[in-house]
Protein backbone atom coordinates (compact mmCIF):
# COMPACT_ATOMS: atom_id res chain seq x y z
CA MET A 1 116.23 127.58 105.44
CA ILE A 2 119.14 125.63 107.00
CA PHE A 3 116.65 123.10 108.40
CA GLY A 4 115.60 122.19 104.88
CA CYS A 5 119.21 121.47 103.89
CA ALA A 6 119.34 118.40 106.15
CA ASP A 7 119.16 114.91 104.70
CA ILE A 8 116.43 114.02 107.18
CA THR A 9 114.35 116.51 109.16
CA ILE A 10 112.67 115.77 112.49
CA ALA A 11 110.35 118.20 114.27
CA THR A 12 108.33 118.17 117.50
CA ALA A 13 104.60 118.75 117.75
CA ASP A 14 105.06 122.32 118.99
CA SER A 15 107.50 123.34 116.25
CA ASN A 16 107.09 126.29 113.93
CA ILE A 17 109.41 126.27 110.91
CA GLY A 18 109.70 129.01 108.32
CA LEU A 19 112.06 131.05 106.18
CA ALA A 20 111.45 134.13 108.34
CA GLY A 21 109.93 135.15 111.67
CA PRO A 22 107.23 137.73 112.42
CA ALA A 23 109.62 140.71 112.46
CA MET A 24 111.09 140.03 109.02
CA ILE A 25 107.66 139.29 107.56
CA GLU A 26 106.27 142.53 108.92
CA GLY A 27 109.36 144.40 107.79
CA GLY A 28 108.78 143.14 104.28
CA GLY A 29 105.30 144.62 104.31
CA LEU A 30 103.60 141.24 104.34
CA GLY A 31 101.48 141.75 107.45
CA ARG A 32 101.62 140.92 111.13
CA PHE A 33 101.71 137.35 112.37
CA THR A 34 102.40 135.55 115.61
CA PRO A 35 105.19 132.95 115.69
CA GLU A 36 102.54 130.23 115.92
CA ASP A 37 101.07 131.33 112.57
CA ILE A 38 104.27 130.57 110.68
CA GLY A 39 104.93 127.02 109.51
CA PRO A 40 103.16 124.96 112.21
CA ILE A 41 103.88 121.24 112.27
CA GLU A 42 100.64 120.26 110.53
CA VAL A 43 101.56 122.49 107.58
CA GLN A 44 105.17 121.39 107.36
CA THR A 45 104.33 117.68 107.48
CA ALA A 46 101.57 117.92 104.87
CA ASN A 47 103.88 119.72 102.43
CA GLY A 48 106.83 117.38 103.00
CA VAL A 49 109.22 119.80 104.73
CA VAL A 50 109.34 117.60 107.85
CA ASP A 51 110.33 113.98 107.31
CA LEU A 52 109.39 112.77 110.76
CA ALA A 53 107.05 114.38 113.30
CA VAL A 54 107.58 113.44 116.96
CA SER A 55 105.83 114.35 120.19
CA ASP A 56 108.74 115.94 122.03
CA GLU A 57 112.53 116.40 122.10
CA ALA A 58 113.15 113.09 123.87
CA GLU A 59 111.37 111.17 121.14
CA GLY A 60 113.14 113.28 118.53
CA ALA A 61 116.55 112.35 119.93
CA LEU A 62 115.56 108.67 120.09
CA MET A 63 114.39 108.66 116.48
CA ALA A 64 117.52 110.48 115.34
CA LYS A 65 119.62 107.71 116.93
CA ARG A 66 117.52 105.03 115.24
CA ILE A 67 117.84 106.71 111.86
CA LEU A 68 121.58 107.24 112.20
CA GLY A 69 121.87 103.61 113.23
CA CYS A 70 120.53 102.60 109.81
CA PHE A 71 123.71 104.03 108.29
CA GLN A 72 126.04 102.23 110.70
CA GLY A 73 125.69 98.60 109.65
CA ARG A 74 123.96 95.38 110.60
CA LEU A 75 122.39 94.58 113.96
CA PRO A 76 123.54 91.25 115.41
CA GLU A 77 120.11 90.33 116.73
CA TYR A 78 116.66 90.63 115.17
CA SER A 79 113.24 89.04 115.13
CA ALA A 80 110.39 89.01 112.63
CA ALA A 81 106.73 88.11 112.39
CA ASP A 82 105.58 84.75 111.08
CA GLN A 83 106.16 85.23 107.35
CA ARG A 84 103.24 82.96 106.47
CA LEU A 85 101.01 85.91 107.39
CA LEU A 86 102.09 87.58 104.14
CA ARG A 87 100.04 85.00 102.24
CA GLN A 88 96.85 86.42 103.74
CA LEU A 89 97.44 90.17 103.45
CA ILE A 90 96.62 90.62 99.74
CA PRO A 91 92.88 90.00 99.13
CA GLU A 92 91.88 87.28 96.66
CA ASP A 93 89.47 89.80 95.13
CA ARG A 94 91.79 91.92 92.97
CA LEU A 95 89.50 94.94 93.33
CA ARG A 96 89.69 95.07 97.13
CA VAL A 97 92.14 97.40 98.86
CA TYR A 98 94.40 96.39 101.72
CA ASP A 99 96.72 97.98 104.27
CA VAL A 100 100.19 97.92 102.74
CA ARG A 101 101.69 99.08 106.03
CA LYS A 102 100.75 95.68 107.49
CA VAL A 103 102.65 94.06 104.64
CA ILE A 104 105.70 96.21 105.38
CA ALA A 105 105.56 95.61 109.13
CA THR A 106 105.29 91.85 108.59
CA LEU A 107 108.07 91.70 105.99
CA ALA A 108 110.53 93.81 108.00
CA ASP A 109 112.22 92.98 111.28
CA THR A 110 110.00 93.58 114.29
CA ASP A 111 109.71 97.29 115.23
CA SER A 112 112.29 98.31 112.62
CA VAL A 113 110.08 100.38 110.31
CA ILE A 114 110.72 104.15 110.32
CA GLU A 115 108.33 105.81 107.89
CA LEU A 116 109.38 109.20 106.52
CA ARG A 117 107.09 111.96 105.18
CA ALA A 118 104.00 109.93 106.03
CA ALA A 119 101.61 112.86 105.55
CA TYR A 120 102.99 113.95 102.17
CA GLY A 121 102.73 112.15 98.83
CA ILE A 122 100.58 109.53 100.51
CA GLY A 123 100.29 107.34 97.41
CA ILE A 124 103.82 106.00 98.03
CA ILE A 125 105.19 104.95 101.41
CA THR A 126 108.88 105.62 102.04
CA ALA A 127 110.52 103.97 105.02
CA LEU A 128 113.79 102.80 106.51
CA VAL A 129 113.50 99.14 107.52
CA ARG A 130 115.69 96.25 108.55
CA ILE A 131 115.62 92.70 107.21
CA GLU A 132 117.73 90.17 109.11
CA GLY A 133 119.32 93.13 110.87
CA ILE A 134 120.40 94.83 107.64
CA ALA A 135 119.08 98.33 106.89
CA PHE A 136 117.16 98.87 103.65
CA GLY A 137 115.26 101.72 102.10
CA LEU A 138 111.73 100.68 101.15
CA ILE A 139 109.16 102.23 98.83
CA ALA A 140 105.64 100.87 98.41
CA ASN A 141 102.52 101.93 96.54
CA ASP A 142 99.48 102.42 98.75
CA PRO A 143 96.35 101.06 97.01
CA ARG A 144 94.16 103.00 99.43
CA HIS A 145 95.08 106.25 97.64
CA LEU A 146 94.05 106.53 93.99
CA GLY A 147 94.18 102.76 93.73
CA GLY A 148 97.96 102.94 93.95
CA ALA A 149 98.34 105.35 91.03
CA ILE A 150 101.43 107.55 91.36
CA ASP A 151 100.61 111.25 91.49
CA GLY A 152 103.01 114.21 91.44
CA PRO A 153 103.65 114.53 95.19
CA ALA A 154 104.16 110.77 95.60
CA ALA A 155 106.62 110.66 92.70
CA GLU A 156 108.62 113.57 94.08
CA LYS A 157 108.67 112.08 97.55
CA ALA A 158 109.82 108.67 96.32
CA ALA A 159 112.50 110.18 94.07
CA ARG A 160 114.02 112.17 96.92
CA PHE A 161 113.99 109.10 99.15
CA LEU A 162 115.71 106.96 96.51
CA GLN A 163 118.42 109.59 96.13
CA LEU A 164 118.90 109.62 99.91
CA CYS A 165 119.27 105.84 100.02
CA ASP A 166 121.65 105.92 97.08
CA ALA A 167 123.80 108.59 98.73
CA TYR A 168 124.17 106.55 101.91
CA GLY A 169 124.48 103.09 100.38
CA LEU A 170 121.19 101.57 101.47
CA PRO A 171 119.86 98.77 99.22
CA ILE A 172 116.25 99.34 98.22
CA VAL A 173 113.16 97.15 98.32
CA SER A 174 110.31 98.27 96.08
CA LEU A 175 106.83 96.83 96.73
CA CYS A 176 105.00 97.50 93.49
CA ASP A 177 101.21 97.67 93.26
CA THR A 178 100.28 100.44 90.85
CA PRO A 179 98.05 100.90 87.79
CA GLY A 180 100.56 103.50 86.58
CA PHE A 181 100.97 107.26 86.86
CA MET A 182 97.91 109.36 87.67
CA VAL A 183 96.68 111.13 84.54
CA GLY A 184 94.12 113.76 83.62
CA PRO A 185 93.76 117.57 83.70
CA ASP A 186 93.84 117.82 87.50
CA SER A 187 96.98 115.71 87.68
CA GLU A 188 98.74 117.87 85.12
CA LYS A 189 98.13 120.94 87.30
CA THR A 190 100.47 119.38 89.88
CA ALA A 191 103.44 119.20 87.46
CA ALA A 192 103.00 115.44 87.18
CA VAL A 193 105.17 115.25 84.06
CA ARG A 194 108.19 116.78 85.77
CA ARG A 195 107.70 115.01 89.09
CA GLY A 196 106.99 111.62 87.55
CA SER A 197 110.05 111.96 85.34
CA ARG A 198 112.14 112.66 88.41
CA LEU A 199 111.10 109.32 89.90
CA ILE A 200 111.97 107.43 86.71
CA ILE A 201 115.38 109.12 86.52
CA ALA A 202 116.14 108.56 90.20
CA SER A 203 115.22 104.87 90.08
CA ALA A 204 117.01 104.23 86.79
CA ASN A 205 120.26 105.79 88.04
CA LEU A 206 120.60 103.99 91.36
CA SER A 207 124.04 102.69 92.21
CA VAL A 208 122.76 100.57 95.11
CA PRO A 209 120.99 97.23 94.67
CA LEU A 210 117.28 97.48 93.84
CA PHE A 211 114.89 94.60 94.54
CA THR A 212 111.34 94.84 93.17
CA VAL A 213 108.50 92.70 94.49
CA VAL A 214 105.20 93.01 92.60
CA THR A 215 102.52 92.30 95.15
CA ARG A 216 99.60 92.91 92.81
CA LYS A 217 99.45 95.50 89.98
CA GLY A 218 102.47 96.13 87.78
CA TYR A 219 101.14 98.38 85.02
CA GLY A 220 102.57 100.97 82.70
CA LEU A 221 105.31 103.52 83.27
CA GLY A 222 104.41 103.74 86.95
CA ALA A 223 105.40 100.12 87.50
CA GLN A 224 108.57 100.67 85.50
CA ALA A 225 109.43 103.62 87.74
CA MET A 226 109.04 101.33 90.76
CA ALA A 227 111.46 98.91 89.10
CA GLY A 228 114.31 101.16 88.03
CA GLY A 229 112.88 101.81 84.56
CA SER A 230 112.24 98.18 83.60
CA PHE A 231 111.48 94.88 85.30
CA HIS A 232 114.81 93.70 83.86
CA ARG A 233 116.69 96.46 85.71
CA PRO A 234 116.51 95.33 89.38
CA LEU A 235 118.95 92.78 90.73
CA LEU A 236 115.85 90.84 91.75
CA SER A 237 112.46 91.22 90.11
CA VAL A 238 109.83 88.86 91.48
CA ALA A 239 106.07 88.71 91.88
CA TRP A 240 103.68 87.20 94.35
CA PRO A 241 100.98 84.90 92.89
CA THR A 242 98.56 87.85 93.06
CA GLY A 243 100.76 89.84 90.65
CA GLU A 244 99.39 91.06 87.32
CA PHE A 245 101.11 92.95 84.51
CA GLY A 246 100.35 94.97 81.42
CA PRO A 247 100.89 98.28 79.61
CA MET A 248 97.94 99.78 81.50
CA GLY A 249 95.19 98.77 83.92
CA LEU A 250 93.12 95.86 82.63
CA GLU A 251 89.74 97.58 82.77
CA GLY A 252 91.02 100.58 80.83
CA ALA A 253 92.78 98.35 78.33
CA VAL A 254 89.54 96.48 77.61
CA ASN A 255 87.52 99.68 77.27
CA LEU A 256 90.05 101.18 74.86
CA GLY A 257 91.15 98.12 72.92
CA PHE A 258 87.68 96.69 72.43
CA ARG A 259 85.61 99.87 72.24
CA LYS A 260 84.00 98.99 68.91
CA GLU A 261 83.04 95.51 70.04
CA LEU A 262 81.56 96.81 73.28
CA GLU A 263 79.66 99.64 71.59
CA ALA A 264 78.27 97.22 69.00
CA GLU A 265 76.64 95.19 71.78
CA THR A 266 73.42 97.10 72.56
CA ASP A 267 72.12 94.86 75.34
CA PRO A 268 73.61 96.06 78.68
CA VAL A 269 73.66 92.56 80.15
CA ALA A 270 75.37 91.09 77.10
CA ARG A 271 77.81 94.02 77.00
CA LYS A 272 78.75 93.40 80.63
CA ALA A 273 79.23 89.70 79.90
CA LEU A 274 81.45 90.53 76.92
CA PHE A 275 83.46 92.96 79.03
CA ASP A 276 83.96 90.34 81.75
CA THR A 277 85.05 87.75 79.17
CA LEU A 278 87.58 90.10 77.60
CA LEU A 279 88.82 91.15 81.04
CA ALA A 280 89.32 87.55 82.12
CA ARG A 281 91.25 86.84 78.91
CA MET A 282 93.58 89.79 79.48
CA TYR A 283 94.06 88.86 83.12
CA ALA A 284 95.06 85.33 82.12
CA GLN A 285 97.64 86.75 79.72
CA GLY A 286 99.01 89.23 82.26
CA LYS A 287 98.96 87.25 85.50
CA ALA A 288 102.29 86.73 87.21
CA THR A 289 102.80 83.09 86.22
CA SER A 290 102.17 83.86 82.54
CA VAL A 291 104.53 86.83 82.55
CA ALA A 292 107.24 84.86 84.35
CA SER A 293 107.05 82.16 81.67
CA TYR A 294 108.30 84.78 79.21
CA LEU A 295 111.11 85.80 81.60
CA GLU A 296 109.70 89.30 82.16
CA VAL A 297 110.28 88.74 85.90
CA ASP A 298 112.71 86.39 87.60
CA ALA A 299 110.17 84.28 89.45
CA VAL A 300 106.76 84.02 91.06
CA ILE A 301 107.42 83.34 94.71
CA ASP A 302 105.63 82.30 97.86
CA PRO A 303 105.09 85.57 99.81
CA ALA A 304 106.31 83.79 102.94
CA GLU A 305 109.73 83.37 101.29
CA THR A 306 110.18 87.03 100.32
CA ARG A 307 112.75 87.76 103.03
CA ALA A 308 114.79 84.73 101.99
CA TRP A 309 114.75 85.79 98.33
CA LEU A 310 115.81 89.32 99.24
CA MET A 311 118.70 88.15 101.39
CA ARG A 312 119.95 85.71 98.76
CA ALA A 313 119.87 88.50 96.17
CA LEU A 314 121.67 90.89 98.51
CA ARG A 315 124.43 88.38 99.15
CA ALA A 316 124.76 87.86 95.41
CA ALA A 317 125.13 91.62 94.94
CA GLY A 318 128.25 91.69 97.11
CA PRO A 319 129.37 94.51 99.43
CA VAL A 320 127.27 97.67 99.36
CA ARG A 321 128.94 101.06 99.57
CA ARG A 322 128.19 102.83 102.86
CA ALA A 323 128.39 106.54 103.54
CA THR A 324 130.09 107.59 106.75
CA ARG A 325 128.10 110.71 107.56
CA ALA A 326 124.48 111.74 107.58
CA TRP A 327 123.00 115.06 108.61
CA VAL A 328 119.83 114.73 110.67
CA ASP A 329 118.32 117.98 111.92
CA VAL A 330 116.03 117.82 114.97
CA TRP A 331 113.87 120.90 115.48
């Protein structure tokens, strides 16, 4: 129980973590179990109890130092990948997925990314990173899971991470690429309403600077949750040229908004052509440059200049409050 009270939890590969051991479980009439049966690492990472799984105690101690270092200020020296690589990491085909972790690793200082709860809520990545030596919290939608849609576990994970960053004064970078919150009967069984609301509340009530970068999809309430409740809320709200915006995903919007027109077209080939025409029209209206012309976002930027934009915005924000203590439990 005490392990779960820590701000950040680290556990080794041979760890077993639970509220009670075999004796107490048996004493409660719940059966006989070996210590290895109770809360093994693969269970406690998949359910989000463990923030960071490591191979052994030595690695655990090293990672604890790295994490604590994120709360201690700027590093005097840093390096980063060639930022021009960011221009090539989002596919030109808007329907193709990509590895957002490559985007994060390229954007952040070299070897600075510490991903937390990687096996839980996999639709959103939460990580501690450094940019020009300064520690940030970072959240990012992963288009490889549900197309980037935010489900219950991902929302809960991101909300907890935002609250952690807020408590310890870490500015936050949000890489937004989501069609919105995951919906449907199966999603509702996971308490998506409560968990999704928690993310919106956590992001809207941040006291630290929030910087949102829309890398591709910025749709619906899910995108608003990634931007503090509104694209007008972050201190910096920018998009890459691949960005696209709207109240919901384009394909769904066409199917719903033009249902009568599509159903009236009986020829499948003609119906597909009509759908593609309507889709292209909506994309033109919602692409990043069009949205920026109405001041819905601050700018459409060259991906290679993202670090520079973030640092200029951070300097404009002024000093950021820093907490002096963090509790990291290594098991």
